[in-house]
Amino acid sequence: MAKAYVIKADGRREEFRPEKIERTCLRAGVSRKQAREISKEIEKLVYDGITTRRIYQMVLKKLERIEEISKPAYYYRLRKAMAEIDAESFEKFVKELLACHGFECEWNKIIPGASVEHQVDIVAKKGSDLFLVECKRHVNPHRYCGLGVVLQVEARLEDIKDGYKRSINKYDFTKAWIVTNTKFSEHAKRYAKAKGILLTGWSYPKRRRKSLELMIEEKRVFPTTILKASSPVKRKLLKNGYITLFDILISPEGRLEKAMGISREKIHDLVLQARKLVEDSLH
């Protein structure tokens, strides 16, 4: 094929290299033979100016057709599922995740600071600690959560703290906490560490198993977007308040059918998928 260039998330152009596809597939747990086959199939579809995001979607689609692939492949699927959640549902998902980890949570609070009012995604309490939680969801799973987000959250925390000192609000926050479905830039990590702001994102932090994917895995709180279903069905699940697989499993199938407006057969398939995903995560 003629030389093709890939557009990376930051806008840079890089020559397409099929061996990168093969390495990605190997990390996902497929055999070398399967990795080579997928790489060759993707290579035929690549065109000059294709984005890394599009290639990533194509690889995921190929991997999903292979049964019984290893743990890394599950993480690829989970990462894609997190990117498919809308911003509001992501906040609700994080609230449920933190609740399963022992936090008392309030969602979407308007809190007056010394200067202005602030919309706080989640107020999370555990023991004597009170956290201001900011949720940042990105459609592109390869996008970095940058320094600007950390600076905004720090300023919000300081204004609310000043408001508490003046008895304008009742929230005596201990720390700020940023949760994202992507990775953090190095500047964001360095500044957050210096200012005592907690960060939870994809593969971060690595210590004490507190990255987003490991927190999800530990409590088996999976988003409904991880199901193999059409995009309209996933959006409707979220719209009707089915944010996690547990929401599906505790709901009677008749109620699901009424809320979703799809056949009992399709509802039953979603329930079976949800049950299998949760059960498989126990092993």
Protein backbone atom coordinates (compact mmCIF):
# COMPACT_ATOMS: atom_id res chain seq x y z
CA MET A 1 0.00 0.00 0.00
CA ALA A 2 1.05 3.62 -0.52
CA LYS A 3 2.54 5.36 2.50
CA ALA A 4 -0.23 6.61 4.79
CA TYR A 5 -0.04 9.04 7.69
CA VAL A 6 -2.05 8.86 10.91
CA ILE A 7 -3.37 11.93 12.74
CA LYS A 8 -2.63 11.61 16.45
CA ALA A 9 -4.79 13.04 19.27
CA ASP A 10 -2.57 16.12 19.56
CA GLY A 11 -2.77 16.81 15.80
CA ARG A 12 0.65 15.44 14.88
CA ARG A 13 1.04 13.30 11.75
CA GLU A 14 2.85 10.01 12.03
CA GLU A 15 3.52 7.31 9.44
CA PHE A 16 1.20 4.33 9.84
CA ARG A 17 3.06 1.26 11.12
CA PRO A 18 1.14 -2.05 11.08
CA GLU A 19 3.50 -3.54 13.67
CA LYS A 20 1.96 -1.15 16.24
CA ILE A 21 -1.44 -2.75 15.62
CA GLU A 22 0.10 -6.18 16.15
CA ARG A 23 1.70 -5.11 19.44
CA THR A 24 -1.59 -3.66 20.64
CA CYS A 25 -3.40 -6.93 19.89
CA LEU A 26 -0.70 -8.96 21.65
CA ARG A 27 -1.09 -6.79 24.75
CA ALA A 28 -4.82 -7.50 24.56
CA GLY A 29 -4.08 -11.19 24.98
CA VAL A 30 -4.68 -12.69 21.53
CA SER A 31 -2.27 -15.11 19.88
CA ARG A 32 0.49 -13.87 17.59
CA LYS A 33 -1.30 -15.43 14.63
CA GLN A 34 -4.55 -13.59 15.49
CA ALA A 35 -2.60 -10.36 16.05
CA ARG A 36 -1.04 -10.61 12.59
CA GLU A 37 -4.40 -11.34 10.97
CA ILE A 38 -6.00 -8.31 12.65
CA SER A 39 -3.04 -6.11 11.70
CA LYS A 40 -3.34 -7.13 8.03
CA GLU A 41 -7.11 -6.52 8.04
CA ILE A 42 -6.67 -3.03 9.55
CA GLU A 43 -3.84 -2.21 7.14
CA LYS A 44 -6.21 -2.75 4.19
CA LEU A 45 -8.65 -0.21 5.66
CA VAL A 46 -6.17 2.50 6.57
CA TYR A 47 -6.10 5.69 4.48
CA ASP A 48 -3.97 8.82 4.59
CA GLY A 49 -5.23 11.17 7.30
CA ILE A 50 -7.01 8.51 9.39
CA THR A 51 -7.09 9.34 13.10
CA THR A 52 -5.62 7.19 15.87
CA ARG A 53 -9.08 7.20 17.45
CA ARG A 54 -10.60 5.62 14.33
CA ILE A 55 -7.86 2.96 14.23
CA TYR A 56 -8.44 2.28 17.94
CA GLN A 57 -12.17 1.75 17.26
CA MET A 58 -11.40 -0.62 14.38
CA VAL A 59 -9.02 -2.68 16.53
CA LEU A 60 -11.56 -2.91 19.35
CA LYS A 61 -14.22 -4.12 16.94
CA LYS A 62 -11.90 -6.87 15.71
CA LEU A 63 -10.95 -7.87 19.26
CA GLU A 64 -14.59 -8.08 20.35
CA ARG A 65 -15.15 -10.83 17.78
CA ILE A 66 -12.54 -13.05 19.43
CA GLU A 67 -13.90 -15.07 22.35
CA GLU A 68 -12.06 -15.70 25.63
CA ILE A 69 -9.33 -13.10 25.28
CA SER A 70 -7.33 -12.12 28.33
CA LYS A 71 -7.58 -9.44 30.99
CA PRO A 72 -5.90 -6.70 28.90
CA ALA A 73 -8.64 -7.05 26.28
CA TYR A 74 -11.22 -6.54 28.99
CA TYR A 75 -9.50 -3.25 29.89
CA TYR A 76 -9.67 -2.13 26.26
CA ARG A 77 -13.39 -2.83 26.28
CA LEU A 78 -13.90 -1.05 29.60
CA ARG A 79 -11.95 2.00 28.43
CA LYS A 80 -14.15 2.25 25.35
CA ALA A 81 -17.28 1.85 27.51
CA MET A 82 -16.21 4.71 29.79
CA ALA A 83 -15.76 6.99 26.77
CA GLU A 84 -19.32 6.20 25.61
CA ILE A 85 -20.94 7.54 28.80
CA ASP A 86 -22.33 11.07 28.55
CA ALA A 87 -20.98 13.68 30.98
CA GLU A 88 -23.92 13.63 33.41
CA SER A 89 -24.08 9.83 33.50
CA PHE A 90 -20.33 9.74 34.13
CA GLU A 91 -20.86 11.87 37.24
CA LYS A 92 -23.60 9.50 38.43
CA PHE A 93 -21.38 6.52 37.68
CA VAL A 94 -18.53 7.97 39.75
CA LYS A 95 -20.99 8.66 42.58
CA GLU A 96 -22.07 4.99 42.57
CA LEU A 97 -18.46 3.83 42.36
CA LEU A 98 -17.41 5.94 45.35
CA ALA A 99 -20.45 4.80 47.31
CA CYS A 100 -19.40 1.18 46.76
CA HIS A 101 -15.99 2.13 48.15
CA GLY A 102 -17.55 3.36 51.38
CA PHE A 103 -18.13 7.07 50.68
CA GLU A 104 -21.32 8.95 51.50
CA CYS A 105 -22.08 10.94 48.37
CA GLU A 106 -24.24 13.87 47.27
CA TRP A 107 -24.54 14.58 43.55
CA ASN A 108 -24.74 17.95 41.76
CA LYS A 109 -24.62 20.44 44.61
CA ILE A 110 -24.66 24.23 44.18
CA ILE A 111 -22.37 25.63 46.87
CA PRO A 112 -21.80 29.36 47.47
CA GLY A 113 -18.21 30.46 47.80
CA ALA A 114 -16.89 33.75 49.11
CA SER A 115 -17.14 35.24 45.61
CA VAL A 116 -19.55 33.16 43.48
CA GLU A 117 -21.65 30.01 43.55
CA HIS A 118 -20.09 26.78 42.32
CA GLN A 119 -21.60 23.64 40.81
CA VAL A 120 -19.90 20.70 42.52
CA ASP A 121 -20.27 17.33 40.79
CA ILE A 122 -20.02 15.19 43.92
CA VAL A 123 -19.60 15.85 47.63
CA ALA A 124 -18.01 12.69 49.09
CA LYS A 125 -17.53 11.99 52.79
CA LYS A 126 -15.58 9.22 54.47
CA GLY A 127 -14.72 9.37 58.14
CA SER A 128 -13.60 12.90 58.97
CA ASP A 129 -12.65 13.71 55.37
CA LEU A 130 -14.89 15.69 53.04
CA PHE A 131 -13.99 15.77 49.34
CA LEU A 132 -14.97 18.11 46.53
CA VAL A 133 -15.10 15.73 43.56
CA GLU A 134 -14.83 17.02 40.00
CA CYS A 135 -15.67 14.54 37.21
CA LYS A 136 -14.09 15.01 33.78
CA ARG A 137 -15.22 12.65 31.05
CA HIS A 138 -13.62 12.72 27.60
CA VAL A 139 -15.04 11.21 24.41
CA ASN A 140 -11.52 10.51 23.15
CA PRO A 141 -10.00 7.91 25.53
CA HIS A 142 -6.50 9.03 24.46
CA ARG A 143 -7.00 12.67 25.45
CA TYR A 144 -5.10 13.88 28.50
CA CYS A 145 -6.74 15.68 31.41
CA GLY A 146 -4.51 18.73 31.66
CA LEU A 147 -3.21 21.33 34.04
CA GLY A 148 -6.09 23.73 33.32
CA VAL A 149 -8.60 21.38 34.97
CA VAL A 150 -6.47 21.14 38.12
CA LEU A 151 -6.10 24.93 38.29
CA GLN A 152 -9.88 25.43 37.95
CA VAL A 153 -10.64 22.90 40.68
CA GLU A 154 -8.05 24.42 43.01
CA ALA A 155 -9.59 27.88 42.55
CA ARG A 156 -13.10 26.49 43.17
CA LEU A 157 -11.97 24.74 46.34
CA GLU A 158 -10.29 27.87 47.70
CA ASP A 159 -13.37 30.05 47.09
CA ILE A 160 -15.67 27.52 48.76
CA LYS A 161 -13.24 27.22 51.69
CA ASP A 162 -13.28 31.00 52.07
CA GLY A 163 -17.07 30.84 51.99
CA TYR A 164 -17.07 28.26 54.78
CA LYS A 165 -14.83 30.47 56.93
CA ARG A 166 -17.35 33.29 56.50
CA SER A 167 -20.28 30.95 57.32
CA ILE A 168 -21.64 31.32 53.77
CA ASN A 169 -21.75 27.53 53.29
CA LYS A 170 -21.61 24.42 55.50
CA TYR A 171 -18.99 22.46 53.53
CA ASP A 172 -15.64 22.22 55.30
CA PHE A 173 -13.80 20.41 52.51
CA THR A 174 -10.61 18.53 53.32
CA LYS A 175 -9.41 18.10 49.74
CA ALA A 176 -10.34 18.33 46.09
CA TRP A 177 -10.46 15.16 43.99
CA ILE A 178 -10.52 14.91 40.18
CA VAL A 179 -11.81 11.74 38.52
CA THR A 180 -11.45 11.24 34.77
CA ASN A 181 -11.80 8.36 32.30
CA THR A 182 -8.48 9.24 30.63
CA LYS A 183 -4.89 9.85 31.70
CA PHE A 184 -3.47 13.00 33.29
CA SER A 185 -0.74 15.14 31.78
CA GLU A 186 2.57 15.29 33.64
CA HIS A 187 2.00 18.97 34.48
CA ALA A 188 -1.40 18.13 35.96
CA LYS A 189 0.10 15.36 38.11
CA ARG A 190 2.98 17.52 39.35
CA TYR A 191 0.77 20.48 40.24
CA ALA A 192 -1.88 18.31 41.90
CA LYS A 193 0.78 16.62 44.03
CA ALA A 194 2.17 19.99 45.11
CA LYS A 195 -1.30 21.28 46.05
CA GLY A 196 -2.58 18.10 47.67
CA ILE A 197 -5.29 17.46 45.06
CA LEU A 198 -6.22 13.80 44.56
CA LEU A 199 -6.25 12.44 41.00
CA THR A 200 -7.96 9.26 39.79
CA GLY A 201 -7.77 8.39 36.11
CA TRP A 202 -6.94 5.62 33.69
CA SER A 203 -3.87 3.75 35.01
CA TYR A 204 -3.34 6.47 37.63
CA PRO A 205 -2.39 6.37 40.41
CA LYS A 206 -0.63 3.03 40.21
CA ARG A 207 -0.03 2.73 43.95
CA ARG A 208 -2.53 0.95 46.19
CA ARG A 209 -4.63 -0.12 43.19
CA LYS A 210 -6.52 3.20 43.13
CA SER A 211 -6.66 3.87 39.37
CA LEU A 212 -10.14 4.15 37.85
CA GLU A 213 -10.17 0.75 36.14
CA LEU A 214 -8.95 -1.04 39.27
CA MET A 215 -11.50 0.72 41.49
CA ILE A 216 -14.18 -0.43 39.04
CA GLU A 217 -12.85 -3.98 38.98
CA GLU A 218 -12.52 -4.25 42.75
CA LYS A 219 -16.23 -3.55 43.36
CA ARG A 220 -17.47 -4.86 39.97
CA VAL A 221 -19.26 -1.56 39.27
CA PHE A 222 -19.35 -1.70 35.48
CA PRO A 223 -21.07 0.90 33.26
CA THR A 224 -23.98 -0.33 31.14
CA THR A 225 -22.11 0.94 28.06
CA ILE A 226 -19.86 -2.12 28.38
CA LEU A 227 -22.73 -4.26 27.08
CA LYS A 228 -22.74 -5.41 23.46
CA ALA A 229 -25.70 -3.37 22.26
CA SER A 230 -26.40 -0.61 19.75
CA SER A 231 -25.54 2.99 20.60
CA PRO A 232 -29.25 4.00 20.77
CA VAL A 233 -29.93 1.20 23.28
CA LYS A 234 -26.97 2.26 25.43
CA ARG A 235 -28.09 5.91 25.37
CA LYS A 236 -31.61 4.89 26.36
CA LEU A 237 -30.31 2.80 29.25
CA LEU A 238 -28.41 5.81 30.58
CA LYS A 239 -31.35 8.15 30.01
CA ASN A 240 -33.59 5.85 32.05
CA GLY A 241 -31.15 5.72 34.94
CA TYR A 242 -29.52 2.36 34.22
CA ILE A 243 -25.97 3.54 34.81
CA THR A 244 -24.32 0.35 36.11
CA LEU A 245 -24.85 -3.34 35.44
CA PHE A 246 -26.21 -3.65 38.98
CA ASP A 247 -29.03 -1.27 37.98
CA ILE A 248 -30.03 -3.76 35.30
CA LEU A 249 -29.67 -6.85 37.49
CA ILE A 250 -31.84 -5.52 40.33
CA SER A 251 -34.61 -4.33 38.00
CA PRO A 252 -37.44 -6.73 36.99
CA GLU A 253 -37.28 -7.55 33.29
CA GLY A 254 -40.86 -6.32 32.84
CA ARG A 255 -39.91 -2.89 34.18
CA LEU A 256 -36.86 -2.81 31.91
CA GLU A 257 -38.99 -3.73 28.92
CA LYS A 258 -41.47 -0.95 29.68
CA ALA A 259 -38.75 1.66 30.22
CA MET A 260 -36.72 0.70 27.18
CA GLY A 261 -39.52 -0.02 24.71
CA ILE A 262 -37.70 -2.99 23.19
CA SER A 263 -38.62 -6.68 23.02
CA ARG A 264 -38.51 -9.00 26.02
CA GLU A 265 -36.00 -11.12 24.10
CA LYS A 266 -33.55 -8.21 23.77
CA ILE A 267 -34.05 -7.28 27.43
CA HIS A 268 -33.32 -10.86 28.45
CA ASP A 269 -30.11 -10.78 26.38
CA LEU A 270 -28.97 -7.58 28.15
CA VAL A 271 -29.65 -9.15 31.54
CA LEU A 272 -27.73 -12.31 30.63
CA GLN A 273 -24.80 -10.22 29.39
CA ALA A 274 -24.79 -8.16 32.59
CA ARG A 275 -24.90 -11.25 34.79
CA LYS A 276 -22.07 -12.93 32.87
CA LEU A 277 -19.83 -9.85 33.00
CA VAL A 278 -20.26 -9.51 36.76
CA GLU A 279 -19.80 -13.25 37.36
CA ASP A 280 -16.71 -13.43 35.13
CA SER A 281 -15.13 -10.56 37.07
CA LEU A 282 -15.18 -12.74 40.20
CA HIS A 283 -12.63 -15.13 38.69
